[in-house]
Amino acid sequence: MTKKELENKLDELKSDYVRIQSDLDKLVYVRGRASSAEEQLIRLEGEIAEVRKQLKEFE
Protein backbone atom coordinates (compact mmCIF):
# COMPACT_ATOMS: atom_id res chain seq x y z
CA MET A 1 0.00 0.00 0.00
CA THR A 2 1.08 3.53 -0.62
CA LYS A 3 1.28 6.12 2.11
CA LYS A 4 -1.82 7.86 0.73
CA GLU A 5 -3.78 4.60 0.72
CA LEU A 6 -2.79 3.96 4.33
CA GLU A 7 -3.83 7.48 5.32
CA ASN A 8 -7.19 6.98 3.62
CA LYS A 9 -7.62 3.62 5.35
CA LEU A 10 -6.80 5.23 8.69
CA ASP A 11 -9.40 7.96 8.11
CA GLU A 12 -11.98 5.32 7.23
CA LEU A 13 -11.19 3.27 10.33
CA LYS A 14 -11.41 6.34 12.55
CA SER A 15 -14.77 7.23 11.03
CA ASP A 16 -16.05 3.70 11.63
CA TYR A 17 -14.77 3.84 15.20
CA VAL A 18 -16.60 7.09 15.95
CA ARG A 19 -19.81 5.74 14.40
CA ILE A 20 -19.69 2.51 16.39
CA GLN A 21 -18.82 4.37 19.58
CA SER A 22 -21.92 6.50 19.08
CA ASP A 23 -24.00 3.36 18.48
CA LEU A 24 -22.54 1.83 21.64
CA ASP A 25 -23.46 4.89 23.67
CA LYS A 26 -27.06 4.59 22.44
CA LEU A 27 -27.16 0.87 23.21
CA VAL A 28 -25.89 1.45 26.73
CA TYR A 29 -28.45 4.22 27.23
CA VAL A 30 -31.37 1.95 26.26
CA ARG A 31 -29.78 -1.07 27.99
CA GLY A 32 -29.32 -2.90 24.71
CA ARG A 33 -26.84 -5.62 23.81
CA ALA A 34 -23.54 -3.74 23.67
CA SER A 35 -21.08 -6.65 23.52
CA SER A 36 -21.07 -6.80 19.71
CA ALA A 37 -20.28 -3.11 19.42
CA GLU A 38 -17.55 -3.45 22.04
CA GLU A 39 -15.97 -6.30 20.08
CA GLN A 40 -16.05 -4.20 16.91
CA LEU A 41 -14.34 -1.32 18.72
CA ILE A 42 -11.60 -3.63 19.97
CA ARG A 43 -11.07 -4.99 16.45
CA LEU A 44 -10.93 -1.46 15.01
CA GLU A 45 -8.42 -0.38 17.65
CA GLY A 46 -6.15 -3.19 16.51
CA GLU A 47 -6.56 -2.26 12.85
CA ILE A 48 -5.88 1.42 13.58
CA ALA A 49 -2.72 0.48 15.49
CA GLU A 50 -1.54 -1.69 12.59
CA VAL A 51 -2.13 1.04 9.99
CA ARG A 52 -0.32 3.59 12.18
CA LYS A 53 2.60 1.16 12.47
CA GLN A 54 2.71 0.80 8.70
CA LEU A 55 2.60 4.59 8.28
CA LYS A 56 5.57 4.99 10.63
CA GLU A 57 7.57 2.72 8.36
CA PHE A 58 7.20 5.35 5.62
CA GLU A 59 8.94 7.97 7.76
C-alpha atoms as a PDB file:
ATOM      1  CA  MET A   1       0.000   0.000   0.000  1.00  0.00           C
ATOM      2  CA  THR A   2       1.083   3.525  -0.622  1.00  0.00           C
ATOM      3  CA  LYS A   3       1.278   6.122   2.106  1.00  0.00           C
ATOM      4  CA  LYS A   4      -1.817   7.864   0.732  1.00  0.00           C
ATOM      5  CA  GLU A   5      -3.785   4.601   0.721  1.00  0.00           C
ATOM      6  CA  LEU A   6      -2.786   3.963   4.331  1.00  0.00           C
ATOM      7  CA  GLU A   7      -3.828   7.480   5.320  1.00  0.00           C
ATOM      8  CA  ASN A   8      -7.194   6.979   3.620  1.00  0.00           C
ATOM      9  CA  LYS A   9      -7.625   3.623   5.350  1.00  0.00           C
ATOM     10  CA  LEU A  10      -6.804   5.232   8.695  1.00  0.00           C
ATOM     11  CA  ASP A  11      -9.396   7.959   8.107  1.00  0.00           C
ATOM     12  CA  GLU A  12     -11.982   5.318   7.228  1.00  0.00           C
ATOM     13  CA  LEU A  13     -11.192   3.269  10.328  1.00  0.00           C
ATOM     14  CA  LYS A  14     -11.412   6.340  12.553  1.00  0.00           C
ATOM     15  CA  SER A  15     -14.770   7.235  11.031  1.00  0.00           C
ATOM     16  CA  ASP A  16     -16.054   3.704  11.632  1.00  0.00           C
ATOM     17  CA  TYR A  17     -14.766   3.844  15.203  1.00  0.00           C
ATOM     18  CA  VAL A  18     -16.598   7.091  15.945  1.00  0.00           C
ATOM     19  CA  ARG A  19     -19.813   5.742  14.403  1.00  0.00           C
ATOM     20  CA  ILE A  20     -19.687   2.505  16.386  1.00  0.00           C
ATOM     21  CA  GLN A  21     -18.818   4.372  19.581  1.00  0.00           C
ATOM     22  CA  SER A  22     -21.923   6.503  19.077  1.00  0.00           C
ATOM     23  CA  ASP A  23     -23.996   3.364  18.484  1.00  0.00           C
ATOM     24  CA  LEU A  24     -22.543   1.825  21.637  1.00  0.00           C
ATOM     25  CA  ASP A  25     -23.459   4.894  23.675  1.00  0.00           C
ATOM     26  CA  LYS A  26     -27.060   4.587  22.440  1.00  0.00           C
ATOM     27  CA  LEU A  27     -27.165   0.869  23.213  1.00  0.00           C
ATOM     28  CA  VAL A  28     -25.892   1.447  26.734  1.00  0.00           C
ATOM     29  CA  TYR A  29     -28.449   4.219  27.227  1.00  0.00           C
ATOM     30  CA  VAL A  30     -31.367   1.950  26.263  1.00  0.00           C
ATOM     31  CA  ARG A  31     -29.775  -1.067  27.989  1.00  0.00           C
ATOM     32  CA  GLY A  32     -29.323  -2.900  24.708  1.00  0.00           C
ATOM     33  CA  ARG A  33     -26.838  -5.623  23.806  1.00  0.00           C
ATOM     34  CA  ALA A  34     -23.542  -3.744  23.670  1.00  0.00           C
ATOM     35  CA  SER A  35     -21.081  -6.645  23.523  1.00  0.00           C
ATOM     36  CA  SER A  36     -21.072  -6.805  19.715  1.00  0.00           C
ATOM     37  CA  ALA A  37     -20.279  -3.105  19.422  1.00  0.00           C
ATOM     38  CA  GLU A  38     -17.550  -3.453  22.037  1.00  0.00           C
ATOM     39  CA  GLU A  39     -15.974  -6.299  20.075  1.00  0.00           C
ATOM     40  CA  GLN A  40     -16.046  -4.203  16.907  1.00  0.00           C
ATOM     41  CA  LEU A  41     -14.339  -1.319  18.716  1.00  0.00           C
ATOM     42  CA  ILE A  42     -11.597  -3.627  19.972  1.00  0.00           C
ATOM     43  CA  ARG A  43     -11.072  -4.987  16.450  1.00  0.00           C
ATOM     44  CA  LEU A  44     -10.933  -1.459  15.010  1.00  0.00           C
ATOM     45  CA  GLU A  45      -8.417  -0.376  17.651  1.00  0.00           C
ATOM     46  CA  GLY A  46      -6.151  -3.192  16.509  1.00  0.00           C
ATOM     47  CA  GLU A  47      -6.556  -2.261  12.852  1.00  0.00           C
ATOM     48  CA  ILE A  48      -5.882   1.417  13.580  1.00  0.00           C
ATOM     49  CA  ALA A  49      -2.716   0.484  15.489  1.00  0.00           C
ATOM     50  CA  GLU A  50      -1.545  -1.689  12.590  1.00  0.00           C
ATOM     51  CA  VAL A  51      -2.127   1.042   9.992  1.00  0.00           C
ATOM     52  CA  ARG A  52      -0.324   3.592  12.180  1.00  0.00           C
ATOM     53  CA  LYS A  53       2.597   1.164  12.472  1.00  0.00           C
ATOM     54  CA  GLN A  54       2.712   0.801   8.699  1.00  0.00           C
ATOM     55  CA  LEU A  55       2.601   4.591   8.281  1.00  0.00           C
ATOM     56  CA  LYS A  56       5.574   4.988  10.634  1.00  0.00           C
ATOM     57  CA  GLU A  57       7.568   2.722   8.358  1.00  0.00           C
ATOM     58  CA  PHE A  58       7.204   5.349   5.616  1.00  0.00           C
ATOM     59  CA  GLU A  59       8.936   7.967   7.762  1.00  0.00           C
END
